[in-house]
Amino acid sequence: MDKNFKIRFLVTITLLLIASISIPFFNSLPFKIFYAFFAAMSLIELLSFFTKKIKPLPTFLALVLSALLIISPIFIFKCDAIMIILIILGVCGYDVFAYLGGHALGGKIFKKSRPFPHVSKNKTWEGTFIGIAIALALVAAIIYPNNLLGYQWFMLCPVLAVFGDLLESFTKRRFCIKDSSEIVVKNKILDKFEILVGGRSGHGGFLDRIDSASFTCTVLFILAIFI
């Protein structure tokens, strides 16, 4: 188990604990504030990309990601505690188990196991399917035993998480950036917060921790308008 997986696992457990503890008390207000802070830090990291280059496609992608980081906290603040738990299980469950499944079985089932080599070279079909399947099972385990049929559309979370992860990875590739934290950590004030996501260098930063969630929450927000 490498450091990157440990970071993902610890962040997931932390989010689950914050959301779980807050359910009986503040309708998950602590988690909502926590998410808004992550979104704000991610937006700062994203805006720092422009110190690298300013070209049409990367700029457009960065603006899309910026919109996601602004809209998703709005949706989170409208969510009840059950919705938040489902989002965490769907998004973080996919993230953790896709990473673990890819390391354990990557290349052992499919001959061409790298579905997106030019976007996310470490992502595998095995890991993607395992992550989606387990995350779907976790979400379903909350919805169906408790007869929460009005929340069935949260079953989309694991699939949406895949697209959110790929969008962020593709944006970084277009900016020729490996880790979203690589610029922010040079700031003496901002780098103090990097310990919350596992360190100050050699990791994806806040944006990597919230990319899937911001995309997922924004799509759910749009769907909620029509449902």
Protein backbone atom coordinates (compact mmCIF):
# COMPACT_ATOMS: atom_id res chain seq x y z
CA MET A 1 0.00 0.00 0.00
CA ASP A 2 1.74 3.18 -1.19
CA LYS A 3 1.51 6.70 0.19
CA ASN A 4 -0.92 7.94 -2.44
CA PHE A 5 -3.47 5.27 -1.57
CA LYS A 6 -3.07 5.95 2.14
CA ILE A 7 -3.84 9.64 1.49
CA ARG A 8 -6.97 8.79 -0.50
CA PHE A 9 -8.11 6.31 2.14
CA LEU A 10 -7.55 8.71 5.04
CA VAL A 11 -9.33 11.58 3.27
CA THR A 12 -12.32 9.30 2.57
CA ILE A 13 -12.52 8.12 6.18
CA THR A 14 -12.24 11.72 7.41
CA LEU A 15 -15.09 12.87 5.17
CA LEU A 16 -17.26 9.95 6.28
CA LEU A 17 -16.61 10.67 9.95
CA ILE A 18 -17.38 14.39 9.58
CA ALA A 19 -20.60 13.67 7.70
CA SER A 20 -21.65 10.86 10.06
CA ILE A 21 -21.01 12.82 13.26
CA SER A 22 -22.85 15.86 11.93
CA ILE A 23 -26.06 14.02 10.93
CA PRO A 24 -27.86 14.22 14.32
CA PHE A 25 -26.74 17.76 15.08
CA PHE A 26 -26.24 20.28 12.28
CA ASN A 27 -27.72 18.64 9.18
CA SER A 28 -24.12 18.07 8.07
CA LEU A 29 -23.15 21.74 8.37
CA PRO A 30 -19.54 20.86 9.40
CA PHE A 31 -19.13 18.79 6.24
CA LYS A 32 -20.63 21.55 4.09
CA ILE A 33 -18.15 24.06 5.49
CA PHE A 34 -15.33 21.51 5.04
CA TYR A 35 -16.34 20.97 1.41
CA ALA A 36 -16.56 24.71 0.72
CA PHE A 37 -13.03 25.12 2.09
CA PHE A 38 -11.74 22.33 -0.17
CA ALA A 39 -13.49 23.93 -3.15
CA ALA A 40 -11.94 27.32 -2.38
CA MET A 41 -8.44 25.85 -2.06
CA SER A 42 -8.96 23.85 -5.26
CA LEU A 43 -10.00 27.02 -7.08
CA ILE A 44 -6.81 28.75 -5.92
CA GLU A 45 -4.77 25.79 -7.21
CA LEU A 46 -6.64 25.86 -10.50
CA LEU A 47 -6.14 29.58 -11.04
CA SER A 48 -2.42 29.08 -10.43
CA PHE A 49 -2.34 26.99 -13.64
CA PHE A 50 -2.41 30.21 -15.63
CA THR A 51 1.15 30.99 -14.53
CA LYS A 52 2.14 28.09 -16.81
CA LYS A 53 0.34 29.01 -20.04
CA ILE A 54 -2.71 30.73 -21.47
CA LYS A 55 -4.10 29.02 -24.57
CA PRO A 56 -7.69 28.62 -25.79
CA LEU A 57 -8.38 24.96 -24.90
CA PRO A 58 -6.60 24.85 -21.52
CA THR A 59 -8.22 28.17 -20.61
CA PHE A 60 -11.68 26.87 -21.52
CA LEU A 61 -11.14 23.67 -19.52
CA ALA A 62 -9.92 25.64 -16.51
CA LEU A 63 -12.99 27.87 -16.69
CA VAL A 64 -15.24 24.80 -16.79
CA LEU A 65 -13.50 23.37 -13.72
CA SER A 66 -13.79 26.75 -12.01
CA ALA A 67 -17.55 26.73 -12.65
CA LEU A 68 -17.78 23.24 -11.14
CA LEU A 69 -15.91 24.37 -8.04
CA ILE A 70 -18.29 27.31 -7.62
CA ILE A 71 -21.56 25.49 -8.36
CA SER A 72 -20.91 22.27 -6.43
CA PRO A 73 -20.74 23.92 -2.96
CA ILE A 74 -24.12 25.54 -3.72
CA PHE A 75 -25.58 22.07 -4.25
CA ILE A 76 -23.84 20.70 -1.16
CA PHE A 77 -25.37 23.43 1.01
CA LYS A 78 -28.81 22.42 -0.30
CA CYS A 79 -28.25 18.72 0.46
CA ASP A 80 -29.62 16.88 3.46
CA ALA A 81 -27.44 14.51 5.48
CA ILE A 82 -28.51 11.41 3.54
CA MET A 83 -27.56 13.01 0.23
CA ILE A 84 -24.15 13.92 1.58
CA ILE A 85 -23.49 10.38 2.78
CA LEU A 86 -24.53 9.02 -0.64
CA ILE A 87 -22.25 11.46 -2.44
CA ILE A 88 -19.30 10.52 -0.23
CA LEU A 89 -19.91 6.80 -0.65
CA GLY A 90 -20.41 7.12 -4.41
CA VAL A 91 -17.53 9.46 -5.18
CA CYS A 92 -14.91 8.59 -2.56
CA GLY A 93 -15.87 4.90 -2.68
CA TYR A 94 -15.14 4.86 -6.41
CA ASP A 95 -11.90 6.79 -5.97
CA VAL A 96 -10.46 4.51 -3.30
CA PHE A 97 -11.53 1.15 -4.71
CA ALA A 98 -10.65 2.07 -8.30
CA TYR A 99 -7.16 2.90 -7.12
CA LEU A 100 -6.89 -0.26 -5.03
CA GLY A 101 -8.45 -2.49 -7.70
CA GLY A 102 -6.19 -1.07 -10.38
CA HIS A 103 -3.09 -1.80 -8.34
CA ALA A 104 -4.26 -5.32 -7.51
CA LEU A 105 -5.67 -6.43 -10.88
CA GLY A 106 -4.57 -3.85 -13.45
CA GLY A 107 -3.59 -5.62 -16.69
CA LYS A 108 -4.57 -9.07 -15.40
CA ILE A 109 -8.06 -9.24 -16.93
CA PHE A 110 -8.00 -6.97 -19.99
CA LYS A 111 -5.11 -7.11 -22.45
CA LYS A 112 -5.41 -3.40 -23.17
CA SER A 113 -5.94 -2.33 -19.60
CA ARG A 114 -5.19 1.40 -20.07
CA PRO A 115 -8.40 2.98 -21.39
CA PHE A 116 -7.18 6.59 -21.29
CA PRO A 117 -3.38 6.51 -21.76
CA HIS A 118 -3.14 10.11 -22.97
CA VAL A 119 -5.33 11.49 -20.19
CA SER A 120 -4.73 9.35 -17.12
CA LYS A 121 -2.04 6.80 -17.86
CA ASN A 122 -2.38 4.99 -14.51
CA LYS A 123 -6.13 4.38 -14.81
CA THR A 124 -7.08 0.81 -15.74
CA TRP A 125 -10.28 -0.87 -16.92
CA GLU A 126 -10.04 -3.27 -13.99
CA GLY A 127 -9.75 -0.51 -11.44
CA THR A 128 -12.50 1.55 -13.07
CA PHE A 129 -15.01 -1.31 -13.10
CA ILE A 130 -14.13 -2.42 -9.57
CA GLY A 131 -14.41 1.13 -8.24
CA ILE A 132 -17.79 1.72 -9.89
CA ALA A 133 -19.17 -1.67 -8.80
CA ILE A 134 -18.18 -1.34 -5.15
CA ALA A 135 -19.28 2.30 -4.94
CA LEU A 136 -22.66 1.38 -6.47
CA ALA A 137 -23.02 -1.40 -3.91
CA LEU A 138 -22.26 1.03 -1.06
CA VAL A 139 -24.82 3.56 -2.29
CA ALA A 140 -27.43 0.85 -2.87
CA ALA A 141 -26.81 -0.51 0.64
CA ILE A 142 -28.03 2.83 2.02
CA ILE A 143 -30.93 3.44 -0.39
CA TYR A 144 -32.76 0.14 -0.69
CA PRO A 145 -32.70 -1.32 2.86
CA ASN A 146 -33.98 2.03 4.14
CA ASN A 147 -36.57 2.38 1.35
CA LEU A 148 -35.07 5.70 0.20
CA LEU A 149 -36.33 5.32 -3.35
CA GLY A 150 -36.44 9.09 -3.85
CA TYR A 151 -32.65 9.06 -3.70
CA GLN A 152 -32.12 6.52 -6.48
CA TRP A 153 -30.58 9.10 -8.81
CA PHE A 154 -27.56 9.21 -6.50
CA MET A 155 -26.66 5.84 -8.03
CA LEU A 156 -25.14 8.01 -10.78
CA CYS A 157 -22.41 9.23 -8.43
CA PRO A 158 -19.74 6.58 -9.18
CA VAL A 159 -20.11 6.97 -12.96
CA LEU A 160 -20.07 10.76 -12.78
CA ALA A 161 -16.97 10.54 -10.58
CA VAL A 162 -15.10 8.84 -13.44
CA PHE A 163 -15.82 11.73 -15.81
CA GLY A 164 -14.89 14.33 -13.18
CA ASP A 165 -11.56 12.63 -12.58
CA LEU A 166 -10.83 12.43 -16.32
CA LEU A 167 -11.77 16.07 -16.92
CA GLU A 168 -9.34 17.26 -14.25
CA SER A 169 -6.58 14.96 -15.51
CA PHE A 170 -7.08 16.13 -19.10
CA THR A 171 -6.95 19.77 -18.00
CA LYS A 172 -3.67 19.21 -16.16
CA ARG A 173 -2.19 17.50 -19.23
CA ARG A 174 -3.13 20.48 -21.41
CA PHE A 175 -1.40 22.79 -18.93
CA CYS A 176 1.59 20.36 -18.73
CA ILE A 177 1.11 20.08 -14.97
CA LYS A 178 1.66 16.83 -13.06
CA ASP A 179 0.30 17.80 -9.64
CA SER A 180 -2.16 20.63 -9.04
CA SER A 181 -0.29 21.50 -5.86
CA GLU A 182 3.09 22.08 -7.51
CA ILE A 183 2.62 25.85 -7.81
CA VAL A 184 0.58 26.56 -4.69
CA VAL A 185 3.10 24.87 -2.40
CA LYS A 186 5.60 27.58 -3.25
CA ASN A 187 3.35 30.08 -1.47
CA LYS A 188 4.45 30.29 2.18
CA ILE A 189 0.91 30.88 3.42
CA LEU A 190 -1.11 28.49 1.23
CA ASP A 191 1.27 25.58 1.57
CA LYS A 192 0.41 25.32 5.28
CA PHE A 193 -2.95 23.87 4.32
CA GLU A 194 -1.46 21.17 2.10
CA ILE A 195 -0.97 18.88 5.11
CA LEU A 196 -4.76 18.34 5.01
CA VAL A 197 -4.38 16.37 1.80
CA GLY A 198 -1.26 14.48 2.65
CA GLY A 199 1.74 16.74 2.32
CA ARG A 200 3.22 19.67 0.50
CA SER A 201 4.78 18.10 -2.58
CA GLY A 202 4.55 15.00 -4.74
CA HIS A 203 0.76 14.71 -4.53
CA GLY A 204 -2.23 16.00 -6.45
CA GLY A 205 -3.31 18.67 -3.99
CA PHE A 206 -6.82 19.78 -3.10
CA LEU A 207 -8.04 19.71 -6.70
CA ASP A 208 -7.25 16.00 -7.01
CA ARG A 209 -9.31 15.29 -3.88
CA ILE A 210 -12.40 17.16 -5.03
CA ASP A 211 -12.35 16.91 -8.84
CA SER A 212 -14.79 14.00 -9.02
CA ALA A 213 -17.04 15.44 -6.32
CA SER A 214 -17.31 18.87 -7.95
CA PHE A 215 -18.29 17.37 -11.31
CA THR A 216 -20.73 14.94 -9.70
CA CYS A 217 -22.40 17.56 -7.51
CA THR A 218 -22.78 19.99 -10.42
CA VAL A 219 -24.45 17.38 -12.64
CA LEU A 220 -26.72 16.34 -9.74
CA PHE A 221 -27.57 19.99 -9.19
CA ILE A 222 -28.60 20.36 -12.83
CA LEU A 223 -30.65 17.15 -12.65
CA ALA A 224 -32.31 18.32 -9.44
CA ILE A 225 -33.62 21.37 -11.27
CA PHE A 226 -35.53 19.14 -13.66
CA ILE A 227 -36.52 16.34 -11.23
